[in-house]
Protein backbone atom coordinates (compact mmCIF):
# COMPACT_ATOMS: atom_id res chain seq x y z
CA MET A 1 10.59 27.98 -8.65
CA VAL A 2 9.80 29.71 -5.14
CA ARG A 3 6.23 30.02 -4.04
CA LEU A 4 7.07 30.36 -0.24
CA TYR A 5 9.49 32.55 1.23
CA THR A 6 10.13 34.84 4.43
CA ASP A 7 11.67 38.05 4.49
CA ASP A 8 13.12 39.57 7.52
CA LEU A 9 11.35 37.32 9.92
CA SER A 10 11.39 37.63 13.47
CA ILE A 11 9.68 35.38 16.03
CA GLY A 12 9.87 35.14 19.54
CA TYR A 13 7.97 34.46 22.91
CA GLY A 14 7.51 37.45 25.16
CA GLU A 15 10.58 39.63 24.96
CA ARG A 16 12.66 36.55 23.97
CA LEU A 17 13.71 36.58 20.28
CA ILE A 18 13.96 32.89 18.90
CA VAL A 19 14.34 33.95 15.21
CA LYS A 20 15.60 37.19 14.09
CA ASP A 21 15.34 38.95 10.50
CA LEU A 22 15.56 35.48 8.86
CA SER A 23 14.93 35.41 5.10
CA VAL A 24 14.57 31.99 3.68
CA GLN A 25 13.31 30.63 0.31
CA ILE A 26 11.49 27.21 0.27
CA PRO A 27 11.99 25.69 -3.34
CA ASP A 28 8.84 24.27 -4.77
CA GLN A 29 8.47 20.50 -5.27
CA GLN A 30 11.50 19.82 -3.72
CA ILE A 31 12.51 18.21 -0.09
CA THR A 32 14.07 20.84 2.18
CA THR A 33 15.57 19.88 5.48
CA ILE A 34 16.42 21.99 8.46
CA ILE A 35 18.97 21.24 10.76
CA GLY A 36 20.70 22.77 13.55
CA PRO A 37 21.35 22.57 17.43
CA ASN A 38 18.41 22.56 20.04
CA GLY A 39 16.81 25.59 20.66
CA CYS A 40 18.10 27.16 17.31
CA GLY A 41 14.48 27.79 16.12
CA LYS A 42 13.85 25.12 13.78
CA SER A 43 10.60 24.31 15.23
CA THR A 44 9.68 27.74 15.66
CA LEU A 45 10.14 28.45 12.35
CA LEU A 46 7.90 25.72 11.07
CA LYS A 47 5.09 26.87 13.47
CA ALA A 48 5.26 30.49 12.19
CA ILE A 49 5.24 29.74 8.58
CA THR A 50 2.15 27.51 9.19
CA ARG A 51 0.47 30.17 11.59
CA ILE A 52 0.49 27.93 14.60
CA ILE A 53 2.15 30.75 16.28
CA SER A 54 2.40 34.65 15.46
CA HIS A 55 5.66 36.20 14.38
CA GLN A 56 6.74 39.59 15.69
CA SER A 57 7.95 41.07 12.43
CA GLY A 58 8.58 40.63 8.79
CA SER A 59 6.55 38.64 6.42
CA ILE A 60 5.71 35.28 5.26
CA VAL A 61 4.88 34.95 1.72
CA LEU A 62 2.94 32.25 -0.20
CA ASP A 63 1.83 32.70 -3.74
CA GLY A 64 2.47 36.11 -3.55
CA LYS A 65 0.49 36.83 -0.53
CA SER A 66 0.98 37.31 3.22
CA VAL A 67 -0.27 34.17 4.97
CA THR A 68 -1.56 36.37 7.82
CA LYS A 69 -3.95 37.56 5.32
CA GLU A 70 -5.16 34.06 3.98
CA ASN A 71 -8.34 32.67 5.17
CA THR A 72 -7.69 29.95 7.56
CA LYS A 73 -9.44 27.22 5.70
CA GLN A 74 -7.98 28.35 2.52
CA LEU A 75 -4.28 28.17 4.21
CA ALA A 76 -5.14 24.68 5.40
CA LYS A 77 -5.66 23.88 1.68
CA LYS A 78 -2.24 25.06 0.86
CA MET A 79 -0.15 23.62 3.74
CA ALA A 80 -0.42 20.93 5.97
CA ILE A 81 1.93 20.27 9.32
CA LEU A 82 2.94 17.34 11.27
CA PRO A 83 3.79 18.21 14.69
CA GLN A 84 6.95 16.94 16.58
CA THR A 85 4.50 14.65 19.05
CA PRO A 86 1.21 14.49 17.54
CA GLU A 87 -1.50 13.34 19.62
CA SER A 88 -4.81 12.09 18.97
CA ALA A 89 -7.99 11.67 20.87
CA ALA A 90 -8.29 8.31 22.72
CA GLY A 91 -10.28 5.62 20.89
CA LEU A 92 -10.03 6.96 17.31
CA THR A 93 -9.81 4.74 14.62
CA VAL A 94 -7.36 5.21 11.73
CA GLY A 95 -10.01 6.13 9.25
CA GLU A 96 -11.55 8.61 11.69
CA LEU A 97 -8.31 10.26 12.39
CA VAL A 98 -7.55 10.59 8.57
CA SER A 99 -10.68 11.93 8.12
CA TYR A 100 -9.71 15.10 10.16
CA GLY A 101 -7.56 16.10 6.90
CA ARG A 102 -10.81 16.78 5.06
CA PHE A 103 -11.72 19.92 7.64
CA PRO A 104 -10.78 22.59 5.40
CA TYR A 105 -13.37 21.29 2.50
CA GLN A 106 -16.26 20.63 5.05
CA THR A 107 -19.22 23.07 4.88
CA GLY A 108 -22.59 23.27 6.77
CA PHE A 109 -22.95 20.21 9.26
CA GLY A 110 -19.48 18.93 8.31
CA ARG A 111 -20.47 15.84 7.04
CA LEU A 112 -18.21 13.87 4.88
CA THR A 113 -18.97 13.81 1.07
CA THR A 114 -18.14 10.83 -1.46
CA LYS A 115 -15.03 13.05 -2.66
CA ASP A 116 -14.09 13.20 0.88
CA TYR A 117 -14.24 9.41 1.42
CA GLU A 118 -12.48 8.85 -1.83
CA VAL A 119 -9.39 11.15 -0.72
CA ILE A 120 -9.40 9.50 2.71
CA ASP A 121 -8.84 5.90 1.10
CA TRP A 122 -6.41 7.35 -1.40
CA ALA A 123 -4.30 8.88 1.46
CA LEU A 124 -4.50 5.66 3.33
CA GLN A 125 -3.57 3.50 0.24
CA VAL A 126 -0.62 5.83 -0.68
CA THR A 127 0.94 5.43 2.67
CA GLY A 128 0.14 1.40 2.92
CA THR A 129 -2.04 1.92 6.11
CA LEU A 130 -5.41 1.19 4.30
CA ASP A 131 -5.46 -2.22 5.89
CA PHE A 132 -5.49 -0.42 9.32
CA LYS A 133 -8.46 1.73 8.38
CA TYR A 134 -10.85 0.38 11.06
CA PHE A 135 -7.87 -0.32 13.77
CA PRO A 136 -7.43 2.21 16.79
CA VAL A 137 -4.71 4.48 16.20
CA ASP A 138 -3.44 3.55 19.70
CA ALA A 139 -2.83 -0.07 18.42
CA LEU A 140 -0.45 0.56 15.95
CA SER A 141 3.27 0.55 16.14
CA GLY A 142 5.26 3.70 16.12
CA GLY A 143 6.06 3.54 12.50
CA GLN A 144 2.48 2.68 11.53
CA ARG A 145 0.95 5.51 13.66
CA GLN A 146 3.36 8.06 11.83
CA ARG A 147 2.60 6.86 8.36
CA VAL A 148 -1.31 7.31 9.55
CA TRP A 149 -0.47 10.93 10.61
CA ILE A 150 1.25 11.64 7.08
CA ALA A 151 -1.90 10.09 5.55
CA MET A 152 -4.06 12.89 7.59
CA ALA A 153 -1.71 15.53 6.07
CA LEU A 154 -2.17 13.84 2.71
CA ALA A 155 -5.90 13.90 3.14
CA GLN A 156 -5.71 17.88 3.08
CA GLU A 157 -4.65 17.59 -0.18
CA THR A 158 -2.04 20.30 0.15
CA GLU A 159 0.87 20.91 -2.01
CA ILE A 160 3.16 21.67 0.86
CA ILE A 161 3.59 19.47 3.93
CA PHE A 162 5.72 20.47 7.19
CA LEU A 163 6.94 17.60 9.49
CA ASP A 164 8.68 18.47 12.68
CA GLU A 165 11.07 15.55 13.45
CA PRO A 166 9.04 12.70 11.89
CA THR A 167 11.56 10.03 12.81
CA THR A 168 11.74 10.79 16.74
CA TYR A 169 11.21 7.88 18.65
CA LEU A 170 11.39 5.48 15.65
CA ASP A 171 13.81 2.55 15.37
CA MET A 172 16.29 2.81 12.17
CA ALA A 173 13.79 0.49 9.82
CA HIS A 174 10.86 2.77 10.56
CA GLN A 175 12.85 5.86 10.19
CA LEU A 176 13.83 4.87 6.91
CA GLU A 177 10.26 3.57 5.86
CA VAL A 178 8.88 7.19 6.67
CA LEU A 179 11.64 9.18 5.10
CA GLU A 180 11.22 6.94 1.95
CA LEU A 181 7.53 7.41 1.97
CA LEU A 182 8.18 11.19 2.06
CA GLN A 183 10.66 10.74 -0.96
CA LYS A 184 8.12 9.03 -2.80
CA LEU A 185 5.29 11.66 -2.28
CA ASN A 186 7.91 14.24 -3.23
CA LYS A 187 8.77 12.51 -6.47
CA GLU A 188 5.22 11.11 -7.51
CA GLU A 189 2.88 13.41 -6.17
CA LYS A 190 5.09 16.46 -6.53
CA ARG A 191 4.61 17.57 -2.89
CA THR A 192 6.80 20.10 -1.40
CA ILE A 193 8.18 18.77 1.67
CA VAL A 194 9.99 20.62 4.59
CA MET A 195 11.14 18.82 7.52
CA VAL A 196 13.37 19.20 10.48
CA LEU A 197 15.83 16.28 11.14
CA HIS A 198 18.63 15.84 13.78
CA ASP A 199 20.38 12.97 11.76
CA LEU A 200 22.84 14.59 9.34
CA ASN A 201 23.16 11.79 7.24
CA GLN A 202 19.29 11.34 6.87
CA ALA A 203 19.06 15.03 6.05
CA ALA A 204 21.61 14.77 3.27
CA ARG A 205 20.32 11.42 1.75
CA PHE A 206 16.93 12.68 1.34
CA ALA A 207 17.05 16.38 0.72
CA ASP A 208 17.37 18.46 -2.21
CA ASN A 209 17.96 21.51 -0.19
CA ILE A 210 19.16 21.92 3.38
CA ILE A 211 19.09 24.90 5.66
CA ALA A 212 21.58 24.72 8.48
CA LEU A 213 20.29 27.26 11.49
CA LYS A 214 22.27 28.35 14.37
CA ALA A 215 20.68 31.00 17.00
CA GLY A 216 17.71 31.59 14.79
CA GLN A 217 20.10 32.68 11.97
CA ILE A 218 20.80 30.64 8.68
CA VAL A 219 24.53 29.89 8.68
CA LYS A 220 24.24 28.07 5.07
CA ALA A 221 21.42 27.32 2.78
CA GLY A 222 21.93 25.18 -0.48
CA SER A 223 22.57 21.77 -1.75
CA CYS A 224 23.54 18.92 0.40
CA GLU A 225 27.11 19.42 -1.07
CA GLU A 226 27.12 22.94 0.14
CA VAL A 227 25.69 22.59 3.62
CA ILE A 228 27.11 19.11 4.88
CA SER A 229 30.86 20.19 5.06
CA LYS A 230 33.53 20.10 7.59
CA GLU A 231 33.17 24.15 8.00
CA VAL A 232 29.51 24.47 8.29
CA LEU A 233 29.20 21.74 10.73
CA ARG A 234 32.13 23.32 12.66
CA ASP A 235 30.25 26.60 12.80
CA VAL A 236 26.59 25.17 13.52
CA PHE A 237 27.39 22.07 15.77
CA GLN A 238 31.01 22.87 17.18
CA ILE A 239 31.85 19.58 15.92
CA ASP A 240 35.22 18.39 14.05
CA ALA A 241 33.71 16.15 11.61
CA GLU A 242 35.16 13.70 8.74
CA ILE A 243 33.02 14.14 5.80
CA GLY A 244 32.83 11.13 3.22
CA LEU A 245 30.61 10.18 0.33
CA ASP A 246 27.72 7.70 0.78
CA PRO A 247 28.50 4.70 -1.42
CA ARG A 248 24.74 4.17 -2.09
CA THR A 249 23.82 7.84 -2.92
CA ASN A 250 27.00 9.50 -3.63
CA LYS A 251 25.88 12.29 -1.25
CA PRO A 252 27.84 13.66 1.52
CA MET A 253 27.64 11.88 4.86
CA CYS A 254 29.31 12.60 8.28
CA ILE A 255 31.57 9.58 9.06
CA THR A 256 32.63 10.43 12.50
CA TYR A 257 33.43 13.61 14.61
CA ASN A 258 34.91 14.88 17.84
CA LEU A 259 33.55 17.81 19.92
CA LEU A 260 35.63 21.03 19.46
CA LYS A 261 37.32 21.73 22.74
CA GLY A 262 37.62 25.28 24.14
CA GLU A 263 36.16 26.85 20.93
């Protein structure tokens, strides 16, 4: 089932097009990862779909309706995004930051309701950060902070969560911690997860669906087996990769690679 898709989408900054005539489908209740070289339009695509930036032409459709025609608060009840380098105001506690996720549901003077507090505690519990509720966000480790940001996205109670490089700047253990949390949210909470990843093996391990972009165009979209292949990686990244099977997941993995010379 596909609730969210783009049709002939073009996105740019000024006269410079980053994404051109892109048609992509996001499978519902699955994990989709977007891979591709720097500058290919991965982050730009996420920002356009979530209406952080405008697109120049084409359409973005959610539940049969253009996102450009959706009320801002209503859209924020359907989609949440965790940007590449989220920054919180100095001095905020974990609970205060996560409470921002309740903004789409607030009316009047914006006071939090009993329901809001229940959802905030639930989001903290699910992400394993409830013990940090009254801690300053700045006092947490990188992995803990990332889980808190995910808790804020969860507090929005959206069915679709976008994450732009959620493992950036984290060590290997914390990267795995965050990705396993997102996988758990997908399996147990049925959240649709869309994320940009640079690590090809992480993309293959955790994704149901992979979209490989190059210069704002889809080179290949499909299962991990279809996308993480010698031919696709050659085209997208200009590398000569050796592909094997992950002995724990039986999914494809890039064992080693060389740069292609003169191609």
